Amino acid sequence: MIFNSFRVGLISRVIILTILIAGFVALLMLKDLVFTTILLGLLSVVQVVNIIRFVDRTNKLMNNFLQSVRYSDFSKSFEIESKSSSLDELKETLNEVIADFRSVRHEREESYHYLQTIIQHIGIALIAYSKDGSVELLNNATKKLFQIRNLDNIVRLKQYSSELVKTLLTIKHGEKALVKIREKDDILQLSIYATAFKIHNRNIMLVSIKNIQFELDEKEMESWQKLIRVLTHEIMNSITPISSLSTTVKGVVEELTTRVDDFEGCEFVKEELCDVKGALETIHRRTDGLIYFVNTYRNLTRIPEPHFSIFKIKDLLNTICDLHSDEFIRSGVEVKVEVEPDSLELSADLNLIEQVLINLVKNALYSLKERENARLILRSYLNRRGRVNLQVEDNGMGILPEVLDKIFIPFFSTKSSGSGIGLSLSRQIMRLHSGTINVYSKPEKGTTVTMVF
């Protein structure tokens, strides 16, 4: 309809111009009526200008509309003077098209903000970056994981972990990778999954990063618990009858020894019975020792459920110091308690956490034996991820790197008289508190054990 009106308007103007030009030429041939001839000539010129302006107005209108579309500027609107003209009808239609564009852009922006909100609320770290490492997208979980405010390039994570940067820059579409990062107060086991896609002719890599350290510790403890249950069950089934039989046989031998004493000349038999009795006593003693051993390791599978309460950490650490004050004096160990802030509180099972700290302090005292300027620090603070940390730090003999990864394994101990259950039990207690425990150590420099809640 609009273009039909435009066509009619243009044709009518051309017809009028043709008539004016024809009249002008006819009068010009007659050479009479000079004034009328000039008037028709002027009217022809005016009509030509009118046609040009008529076409130019439409062209300018369309140009303004196309410029708005090109630059996505849909704030413009075309003023309608009268709906009777074809130009105003065109303006009305263009306004409707612009309104449609504006609505589509608004919906697209809403969808974009909706997706951005979802991405920012996802608990898994997400990073999108180009081939040269330039970061395109970074969510809040990533900032929290690496404790950064902004990241313009993946390379800047090198100060955090060079292995992580290398993995991110070399990982391919669909690949998975594990990166272990050991900090002084925490250990991160990062699971990385990559997806590649193309947008605006640019290759983008999207990676998800999740710290699975707690899940790995939990699965490891569950595996050890299952193994311990099976082993203790089988060992107890074998040891109990041996202990019972050795006791019975020992009684029989003692009775025989008494009877032999009534007869003379049976010294040889007496000696043999004494040897048998001694062997039975050894067997009985060792079976009792194994039963005690098995019952000790059953503790790993019998930890009570924690009863949570809120308490001041400084009071807890002072209590630990009071419990070991005599040992500290005898060993010549300087002890410090550092809590920042001073009013820091913890929601946990006080008795279980106290047991863990007692075990860690005893390990530290063992490490500080015959150490000059022995020092022990009990520390608590909020780490950079906002989690409560409890630390036991000493300047003792330290732990060798090849031993460090084994210290949480049940039955493993660096002490000659150790049972190998203390740290395993501590890890189990921390698992029940949804926390972790890790050790940072340097030989001959010292050891720091950190409990992260």
Protein backbone atom coordinates (compact mmCIF):
# COMPACT_ATOMS: atom_id res chain seq x y z
CA MET A 1 0.00 0.00 0.00
CA ILE A 2 2.79 2.40 0.93
CA PHE A 3 4.79 1.70 -2.19
CA ASN A 4 1.65 1.91 -4.34
CA SER A 5 0.96 5.37 -2.88
CA PHE A 6 4.57 6.34 -3.51
CA ARG A 7 4.28 5.12 -7.10
CA VAL A 8 1.04 7.08 -7.68
CA GLY A 9 2.55 10.21 -6.19
CA LEU A 10 5.66 9.92 -8.32
CA ILE A 11 3.71 9.16 -11.56
CA SER A 12 1.31 12.05 -11.01
CA ARG A 13 4.22 14.45 -10.53
CA VAL A 14 5.95 13.13 -13.68
CA ILE A 15 2.69 13.54 -15.70
CA ILE A 16 2.30 17.11 -14.47
CA LEU A 17 5.93 17.79 -15.37
CA THR A 18 5.41 16.28 -18.82
CA ILE A 19 2.35 18.45 -19.45
CA LEU A 20 4.21 21.58 -18.31
CA ILE A 21 7.19 20.80 -20.50
CA ALA A 22 4.95 20.03 -23.51
CA GLY A 23 3.07 23.35 -23.02
CA PHE A 24 6.34 25.22 -22.60
CA VAL A 25 7.75 23.73 -25.85
CA ALA A 26 4.50 24.47 -27.75
CA LEU A 27 4.43 28.10 -26.65
CA LEU A 28 8.12 28.38 -27.37
CA MET A 29 7.49 27.24 -30.98
CA LEU A 30 4.68 29.81 -31.47
CA LYS A 31 6.88 32.61 -30.14
CA ASP A 32 3.80 34.32 -28.76
CA LEU A 33 2.62 34.79 -25.24
CA VAL A 34 6.14 35.28 -23.89
CA PHE A 35 4.97 35.81 -20.33
CA THR A 36 2.95 32.57 -20.35
CA THR A 37 5.92 30.71 -21.86
CA ILE A 38 8.23 31.95 -19.08
CA LEU A 39 5.64 31.04 -16.47
CA LEU A 40 5.32 27.46 -17.80
CA GLY A 41 9.12 27.19 -17.85
CA LEU A 42 9.34 28.26 -14.22
CA LEU A 43 6.54 25.87 -13.25
CA SER A 44 8.43 23.05 -15.00
CA VAL A 45 11.57 23.84 -13.00
CA VAL A 46 9.55 23.98 -9.78
CA GLN A 47 7.98 20.59 -10.60
CA VAL A 48 11.44 19.07 -11.26
CA VAL A 49 12.63 20.36 -7.87
CA ASN A 50 9.44 19.00 -6.31
CA ILE A 51 10.07 15.52 -7.77
CA ILE A 52 13.69 15.57 -6.58
CA ARG A 53 12.65 16.61 -3.06
CA PHE A 54 9.88 13.98 -3.07
CA VAL A 55 12.38 11.21 -3.91
CA ASP A 56 15.11 12.61 -1.63
CA ARG A 57 12.77 12.71 1.39
CA THR A 58 12.09 9.02 0.95
CA ASN A 59 15.77 8.25 0.41
CA LYS A 60 16.78 10.20 3.53
CA LEU A 61 14.06 8.46 5.51
CA MET A 62 15.27 5.02 4.38
CA ASN A 63 18.90 6.01 4.96
CA ASN A 64 18.14 7.08 8.55
CA PHE A 65 16.29 3.83 9.11
CA LEU A 66 19.14 1.70 7.73
CA GLN A 67 21.69 3.64 9.79
CA SER A 68 19.65 2.88 12.91
CA VAL A 69 19.63 -0.81 12.01
CA ARG A 70 23.35 -0.82 11.21
CA TYR A 71 24.39 0.75 14.50
CA SER A 72 21.60 -0.89 16.56
CA ASP A 73 20.31 2.52 17.57
CA PHE A 74 16.60 1.92 17.98
CA SER A 75 15.96 5.00 20.08
CA LYS A 76 15.00 7.01 16.99
CA SER A 77 11.45 7.46 15.74
CA PHE A 78 10.03 9.24 12.70
CA GLU A 79 7.52 12.02 13.29
CA ILE A 80 4.21 11.55 11.50
CA GLU A 81 2.60 14.77 10.30
CA SER A 82 -0.50 13.43 8.58
CA LYS A 83 -1.56 9.86 7.85
CA SER A 84 -3.00 10.96 4.52
CA SER A 85 0.38 11.11 2.76
CA SER A 86 2.32 8.05 1.57
CA LEU A 87 5.46 9.35 3.26
CA ASP A 88 3.75 9.43 6.63
CA GLU A 89 2.49 5.91 6.03
CA LEU A 90 6.10 4.88 5.36
CA LYS A 91 7.21 6.61 8.58
CA GLU A 92 4.55 4.74 10.54
CA THR A 93 5.70 1.39 9.14
CA LEU A 94 9.36 2.19 9.82
CA ASN A 95 8.46 3.12 13.40
CA GLU A 96 6.76 -0.24 13.81
CA VAL A 97 9.83 -2.04 12.40
CA ILE A 98 12.11 -0.11 14.78
CA ALA A 99 9.82 -1.01 17.68
CA ASP A 100 10.10 -4.69 16.67
CA PHE A 101 13.90 -4.41 16.52
CA ARG A 102 13.88 -2.72 19.93
CA SER A 103 11.77 -5.51 21.38
CA VAL A 104 14.05 -8.20 19.91
CA ARG A 105 17.15 -6.46 21.27
CA HIS A 106 15.53 -6.11 24.69
CA GLU A 107 14.68 -9.83 24.73
CA ARG A 108 18.24 -10.66 23.64
CA GLU A 109 19.69 -8.47 26.41
CA GLU A 110 17.39 -10.10 28.96
CA SER A 111 18.52 -13.55 27.79
CA TYR A 112 22.16 -12.44 27.99
CA HIS A 113 21.74 -11.10 31.53
CA TYR A 114 19.84 -14.25 32.50
CA LEU A 115 22.68 -16.46 31.26
CA GLN A 116 25.25 -14.19 32.92
CA THR A 117 23.39 -14.51 36.23
CA ILE A 118 23.32 -18.30 35.92
CA ILE A 119 27.03 -18.42 35.07
CA GLN A 120 27.93 -16.19 38.01
CA HIS A 121 25.90 -18.34 40.42
CA ILE A 122 27.35 -21.67 39.27
CA GLY A 123 29.58 -23.14 41.98
CA ILE A 124 32.08 -24.52 39.45
CA ALA A 125 34.80 -22.18 38.16
CA LEU A 126 34.35 -21.26 34.47
CA ILE A 127 36.88 -19.49 32.26
CA ALA A 128 36.50 -18.72 28.55
CA TYR A 129 39.64 -17.56 26.77
CA SER A 130 41.13 -17.24 23.29
CA LYS A 131 44.15 -19.05 21.89
CA ASP A 132 46.60 -16.40 23.15
CA GLY A 133 45.17 -16.66 26.67
CA SER A 134 43.04 -13.49 26.61
CA VAL A 135 40.13 -14.04 28.97
CA GLU A 136 36.63 -13.55 27.53
CA LEU A 137 34.56 -14.72 30.50
CA LEU A 138 35.23 -15.22 34.20
CA ASN A 139 32.63 -16.18 36.81
CA ASN A 140 32.56 -15.53 40.55
CA ALA A 141 33.49 -19.13 41.41
CA THR A 142 36.77 -18.67 39.51
CA LYS A 143 37.53 -15.44 41.37
CA LYS A 144 36.82 -17.16 44.68
CA LEU A 145 38.89 -20.24 43.82
CA PHE A 146 41.98 -18.26 42.79
CA GLN A 147 41.31 -15.25 45.02
CA ILE A 148 41.46 -12.68 42.21
CA ARG A 149 39.30 -9.72 41.27
CA ASN A 150 39.98 -9.68 37.56
CA LEU A 151 41.94 -11.71 35.03
CA ASP A 152 42.81 -10.40 31.60
CA ASN A 153 45.07 -13.28 30.55
CA ILE A 154 45.54 -16.89 31.62
CA VAL A 155 49.30 -16.32 31.90
CA ARG A 156 48.72 -14.20 35.02
CA LEU A 157 47.81 -17.39 36.89
CA LYS A 158 51.47 -18.43 36.66
CA GLN A 159 52.14 -16.84 40.05
CA TYR A 160 49.50 -19.22 41.38
CA SER A 161 50.66 -22.34 39.50
CA SER A 162 52.81 -22.61 36.37
CA GLU A 163 51.55 -26.17 35.84
CA LEU A 164 47.97 -24.89 35.77
CA VAL A 165 48.81 -22.25 33.14
CA LYS A 166 50.60 -24.84 31.00
CA THR A 167 47.61 -27.17 31.21
CA LEU A 168 45.10 -24.44 30.30
CA LEU A 169 47.12 -23.31 27.27
CA THR A 170 47.68 -26.84 25.91
CA ILE A 171 44.42 -28.61 26.76
CA LYS A 172 42.28 -29.60 23.76
CA HIS A 173 38.57 -29.93 23.11
CA GLY A 174 36.96 -32.71 25.15
CA GLU A 175 40.08 -33.38 27.21
CA LYS A 176 40.19 -33.73 30.99
CA ALA A 177 43.14 -32.97 33.25
CA LEU A 178 44.09 -33.05 36.92
CA VAL A 179 46.35 -30.42 38.46
CA LYS A 180 47.53 -30.60 42.06
CA ILE A 181 48.44 -27.34 43.76
CA ARG A 182 50.10 -27.48 47.17
CA GLU A 183 49.92 -24.29 49.18
CA LYS A 184 51.26 -23.74 52.68
CA ASP A 185 47.80 -23.77 54.23
CA ASP A 186 45.83 -25.78 51.68
CA ILE A 187 46.01 -28.42 48.97
CA LEU A 188 43.92 -28.13 45.80
CA GLN A 189 43.25 -31.01 43.45
CA LEU A 190 41.79 -29.33 40.38
CA SER A 191 39.72 -31.26 37.85
CA ILE A 192 39.70 -29.46 34.48
CA TYR A 193 37.40 -30.12 31.52
CA ALA A 194 37.68 -28.20 28.23
CA THR A 195 35.20 -27.41 25.44
CA ALA A 196 36.17 -25.48 22.29
CA PHE A 197 33.78 -23.43 20.14
CA LYS A 198 33.92 -20.64 17.55
CA ILE A 199 32.24 -17.25 17.79
CA HIS A 200 32.69 -14.37 15.32
CA ASN A 201 35.44 -16.36 13.57
CA ARG A 202 37.37 -16.58 16.86
CA ASN A 203 38.32 -19.85 18.52
CA ILE A 204 37.29 -19.83 22.18
CA MET A 205 38.16 -22.41 24.85
CA LEU A 206 35.74 -22.83 27.75
CA VAL A 207 37.10 -24.75 30.76
CA SER A 208 35.39 -25.79 33.96
CA ILE A 209 37.58 -26.14 37.05
CA LYS A 210 36.53 -27.90 40.23
CA ASN A 211 38.47 -28.55 43.42
CA ILE A 212 37.87 -32.25 44.15
CA GLN A 213 40.33 -32.59 47.05
CA PHE A 214 37.58 -33.18 49.61
CA GLU A 215 35.88 -35.80 47.40
CA LEU A 216 39.19 -37.61 46.85
CA ASP A 217 39.96 -37.61 50.59
CA GLU A 218 36.47 -38.92 51.32
CA LYS A 219 36.72 -41.75 48.78
CA GLU A 220 40.17 -42.67 50.08
CA MET A 221 38.93 -42.83 53.67
CA GLU A 222 35.91 -44.91 52.63
CA SER A 223 38.22 -47.36 50.86
CA TRP A 224 40.48 -47.65 53.90
CA GLN A 225 37.49 -48.12 56.17
CA LYS A 226 36.14 -50.97 54.03
CA LEU A 227 39.58 -52.61 53.97
CA ILE A 228 39.99 -52.24 57.74
CA ARG A 229 36.54 -53.74 58.38
CA VAL A 230 37.39 -56.79 56.27
CA LEU A 231 40.87 -57.22 57.75
CA THR A 232 39.81 -56.79 61.38
CA HIS A 233 36.91 -59.19 60.91
CA GLU A 234 39.10 -61.89 59.39
CA ILE A 235 41.93 -61.37 61.88
CA MET A 236 39.58 -61.50 64.88
CA ASN A 237 37.97 -64.68 63.56
CA SER A 238 41.43 -66.30 63.46
CA ILE A 239 42.98 -64.84 66.61
CA THR A 240 40.13 -65.39 69.08
CA PRO A 241 40.17 -69.22 68.91
CA ILE A 242 43.98 -69.21 69.03
CA SER A 243 43.92 -67.12 72.20
CA SER A 244 41.26 -69.35 73.73
CA LEU A 245 43.06 -72.59 72.83
CA SER A 246 46.42 -71.29 74.08
CA THR A 247 44.84 -70.47 77.42
CA THR A 248 43.28 -73.93 77.65
CA VAL A 249 46.46 -75.75 76.67
CA LYS A 250 48.48 -73.62 79.09
CA GLY A 251 46.21 -74.77 81.91
CA VAL A 252 46.65 -78.40 80.89
CA VAL A 253 50.45 -78.02 80.78
CA GLU A 254 50.49 -76.41 84.21
CA GLU A 255 48.47 -79.32 85.60
CA LEU A 256 50.84 -81.84 83.99
CA THR A 257 53.83 -79.98 85.40
CA THR A 258 52.32 -80.25 88.91
CA ARG A 259 51.79 -83.98 88.51
CA VAL A 260 55.32 -84.54 87.20
CA ASP A 261 56.71 -82.78 90.29
CA ASP A 262 55.33 -85.66 92.40
CA PHE A 263 57.60 -88.17 90.66
CA GLU A 264 61.35 -88.30 90.91
CA GLY A 265 63.58 -88.72 87.91
CA CYS A 266 61.37 -86.77 85.50
CA GLU A 267 63.57 -83.69 85.16
CA PHE A 268 63.70 -84.08 81.39
CA VAL A 269 59.92 -84.13 81.15
CA LYS A 270 59.74 -81.09 83.45
CA GLU A 271 62.05 -79.12 81.19
CA GLU A 272 60.04 -80.02 78.10
CA LEU A 273 56.79 -79.00 79.79
CA CYS A 274 58.37 -75.72 80.91
CA ASP A 275 59.42 -75.00 77.32
CA VAL A 276 55.91 -75.76 76.08
CA LYS A 277 54.46 -73.54 78.79
CA GLY A 278 56.78 -70.68 77.81
CA ALA A 279 55.82 -71.08 74.15
CA LEU A 280 52.14 -71.02 75.06
CA GLU A 281 52.62 -67.89 77.15
CA THR A 282 54.35 -66.23 74.17
CA ILE A 283 51.50 -67.25 71.84
CA HIS A 284 48.91 -65.98 74.32
CA ARG A 285 50.78 -62.70 74.80
CA ARG A 286 51.10 -62.15 71.06
CA THR A 287 47.43 -62.96 70.40
CA ASP A 288 46.45 -60.44 73.09
CA GLY A 289 48.75 -57.92 71.40
CA LEU A 290 47.12 -58.60 68.00
CA ILE A 291 43.64 -58.29 69.49
CA TYR A 292 44.61 -54.92 70.99
CA PHE A 293 46.11 -53.93 67.62
CA VAL A 294 42.91 -54.86 65.77
CA ASN A 295 40.67 -53.10 68.28
CA THR A 296 42.81 -49.98 67.95
CA TYR A 297 42.33 -49.83 64.19
CA ARG A 298 38.64 -50.47 64.54
CA ASN A 299 38.51 -46.94 65.96
CA LEU A 300 38.86 -45.62 62.40
CA THR A 301 35.45 -47.06 61.58
CA ARG A 302 33.80 -46.24 64.91
CA ILE A 303 34.17 -42.48 65.20
CA PRO A 304 30.98 -41.02 66.72
CA GLU A 305 28.92 -38.50 64.81
CA PRO A 306 30.03 -34.97 65.77
CA HIS A 307 27.83 -32.86 68.05
CA PHE A 308 28.28 -29.31 66.85
CA SER A 309 28.54 -26.32 69.13
CA ILE A 310 29.97 -22.83 68.78
CA PHE A 311 33.05 -22.01 70.84
CA LYS A 312 35.93 -19.54 70.88
CA ILE A 313 39.03 -20.90 69.23
CA LYS A 314 41.36 -19.02 71.55
CA ASP A 315 39.85 -20.83 74.56
CA LEU A 316 40.36 -24.16 72.81
CA LEU A 317 44.03 -23.47 72.00
CA ASN A 318 44.71 -22.23 75.54
CA THR A 319 43.20 -25.47 76.88
CA ILE A 320 45.53 -27.50 74.65
CA CYS A 321 48.50 -25.53 76.00
CA ASP A 322 47.41 -26.15 79.59
CA LEU A 323 47.09 -29.90 78.95
CA HIS A 324 50.69 -30.09 77.70
CA SER A 325 52.27 -27.41 79.87
CA ASP A 326 54.43 -29.91 81.81
CA GLU A 327 55.70 -31.50 78.58
CA PHE A 328 56.50 -28.07 77.12
CA ILE A 329 58.55 -27.19 80.20
CA ARG A 330 60.43 -30.52 80.25
CA SER A 331 61.18 -30.31 76.53
CA GLY A 332 62.16 -26.62 76.64
CA VAL A 333 59.68 -25.78 73.88
CA GLU A 334 58.57 -22.18 73.42
CA VAL A 335 54.81 -22.11 72.75
CA LYS A 336 52.76 -19.32 71.17
CA VAL A 337 49.04 -18.98 70.59
CA GLU A 338 48.02 -16.71 67.70
CA VAL A 339 44.33 -16.10 66.86
CA GLU A 340 43.27 -13.47 64.33
CA PRO A 341 40.79 -11.99 65.02
CA ASP A 342 40.88 -12.57 68.75
CA SER A 343 37.13 -13.30 68.87
CA LEU A 344 37.24 -15.94 66.10
CA GLU A 345 34.71 -18.74 66.70
CA LEU A 346 34.19 -22.20 65.27
CA SER A 347 31.16 -24.46 64.92
CA ALA A 348 32.39 -28.02 65.51
CA ASP A 349 32.51 -30.93 67.96
CA LEU A 350 34.75 -29.54 70.69
CA ASN A 351 35.85 -32.95 72.01
CA LEU A 352 36.75 -34.37 68.59
CA ILE A 353 38.67 -31.27 67.49
CA GLU A 354 40.45 -31.22 70.84
CA GLN A 355 41.51 -34.84 70.23
CA VAL A 356 42.91 -33.95 66.82
CA LEU A 357 44.91 -31.02 68.25
CA ILE A 358 46.28 -33.19 71.07
CA ASN A 359 47.50 -35.71 68.52
CA LEU A 360 49.10 -32.99 66.37
CA VAL A 361 50.83 -31.41 69.38
CA LYS A 362 52.25 -34.79 70.42
CA ASN A 363 53.61 -35.29 66.88
CA ALA A 364 55.15 -31.82 67.00
CA LEU A 365 56.81 -32.53 70.37
CA TYR A 366 58.27 -35.74 68.95
CA SER A 367 59.66 -33.76 66.01
CA LEU A 368 61.18 -31.17 68.38
CA LYS A 369 63.18 -33.67 70.45
CA GLU A 370 66.74 -32.48 71.05
CA ARG A 371 66.06 -29.43 68.89
CA GLU A 372 67.70 -26.17 69.86
CA ASN A 373 65.42 -23.15 70.13
CA ALA A 374 62.41 -25.45 69.78
CA ARG A 375 59.28 -23.50 68.93
CA LEU A 376 55.64 -24.46 68.60
CA ILE A 377 52.87 -22.17 67.34
CA LEU A 378 49.15 -22.84 67.66
CA ARG A 379 47.50 -20.51 65.16
CA SER A 380 44.02 -19.80 63.87
CA TYR A 381 42.77 -17.35 61.23
CA LEU A 382 40.43 -16.93 58.27
CA ASN A 383 42.18 -17.93 55.07
CA ARG A 384 41.82 -15.99 51.83
CA ARG A 385 38.79 -18.10 50.90
CA GLY A 386 37.05 -17.07 54.13
CA ARG A 387 37.39 -20.48 55.79
CA VAL A 388 38.56 -21.05 59.37
CA ASN A 389 42.06 -22.50 59.59
CA LEU A 390 43.66 -24.15 62.63
CA GLN A 391 47.43 -24.65 62.41
CA VAL A 392 50.06 -26.45 64.44
CA GLU A 393 53.49 -25.22 63.32
CA ASP A 394 56.88 -26.38 64.60
CA ASN A 395 60.51 -25.86 63.63
CA GLY A 396 61.41 -29.51 64.09
CA MET A 397 63.14 -32.05 61.88
CA GLY A 398 60.48 -31.87 59.15
CA ILE A 399 59.24 -34.64 56.87
CA LEU A 400 60.95 -35.98 53.76
CA PRO A 401 59.06 -35.38 50.46
CA GLU A 402 58.79 -39.10 49.70
CA VAL A 403 57.19 -39.66 53.13
CA LEU A 404 54.84 -36.67 53.02
CA ASP A 405 52.31 -38.33 50.70
CA LYS A 406 52.09 -41.42 52.96
CA ILE A 407 51.53 -39.92 56.38
CA PHE A 408 47.72 -40.17 56.20
CA ILE A 409 47.78 -43.85 55.24
CA PRO A 410 46.51 -46.06 58.08
CA PHE A 411 49.25 -48.17 59.76
CA PHE A 412 52.00 -45.90 58.35
CA SER A 413 54.17 -44.14 60.94
CA THR A 414 57.57 -42.47 61.05
CA LYS A 415 57.84 -43.20 64.78
CA SER A 416 59.41 -46.43 65.98
CA SER A 417 56.63 -46.82 68.55
CA GLY A 418 53.85 -45.23 66.52
CA SER A 419 50.63 -47.01 65.61
CA GLY A 420 50.05 -45.11 62.36
CA ILE A 421 46.48 -44.27 63.34
CA GLY A 422 46.74 -40.69 64.66
CA LEU A 423 46.75 -38.72 61.41
CA SER A 424 44.33 -41.13 59.74
CA LEU A 425 41.93 -40.64 62.64
CA SER A 426 42.42 -36.87 62.42
CA ARG A 427 41.58 -36.88 58.72
CA GLN A 428 38.47 -38.93 59.41
CA ILE A 429 37.34 -36.47 62.08
CA MET A 430 37.92 -33.53 59.70
CA ARG A 431 35.95 -35.34 57.00
CA LEU A 432 33.00 -35.60 59.40
CA HIS A 433 33.28 -31.80 59.79
CA SER A 434 33.27 -31.34 55.97
CA GLY A 435 36.84 -30.07 56.26
CA THR A 436 40.32 -31.15 55.25
CA ILE A 437 43.70 -31.57 56.92
CA ASN A 438 46.99 -31.20 55.09
CA VAL A 439 50.67 -31.03 55.92
CA TYR A 440 53.34 -28.68 54.58
CA SER A 441 56.90 -29.57 55.55
CA LYS A 442 60.53 -28.96 54.69
CA PRO A 443 63.27 -31.25 56.03
CA GLU A 444 65.24 -29.63 58.84
CA LYS A 445 63.04 -26.51 58.58
CA GLY A 446 59.81 -27.54 60.21
CA THR A 447 56.27 -28.73 59.66
CA THR A 448 52.91 -26.99 59.45
CA VAL A 449 49.71 -29.01 59.81
CA THR A 450 46.61 -27.12 58.72
CA MET A 451 43.01 -28.00 59.52
CA VAL A 452 40.65 -26.26 57.08
CA PHE A 453 36.97 -26.03 58.06
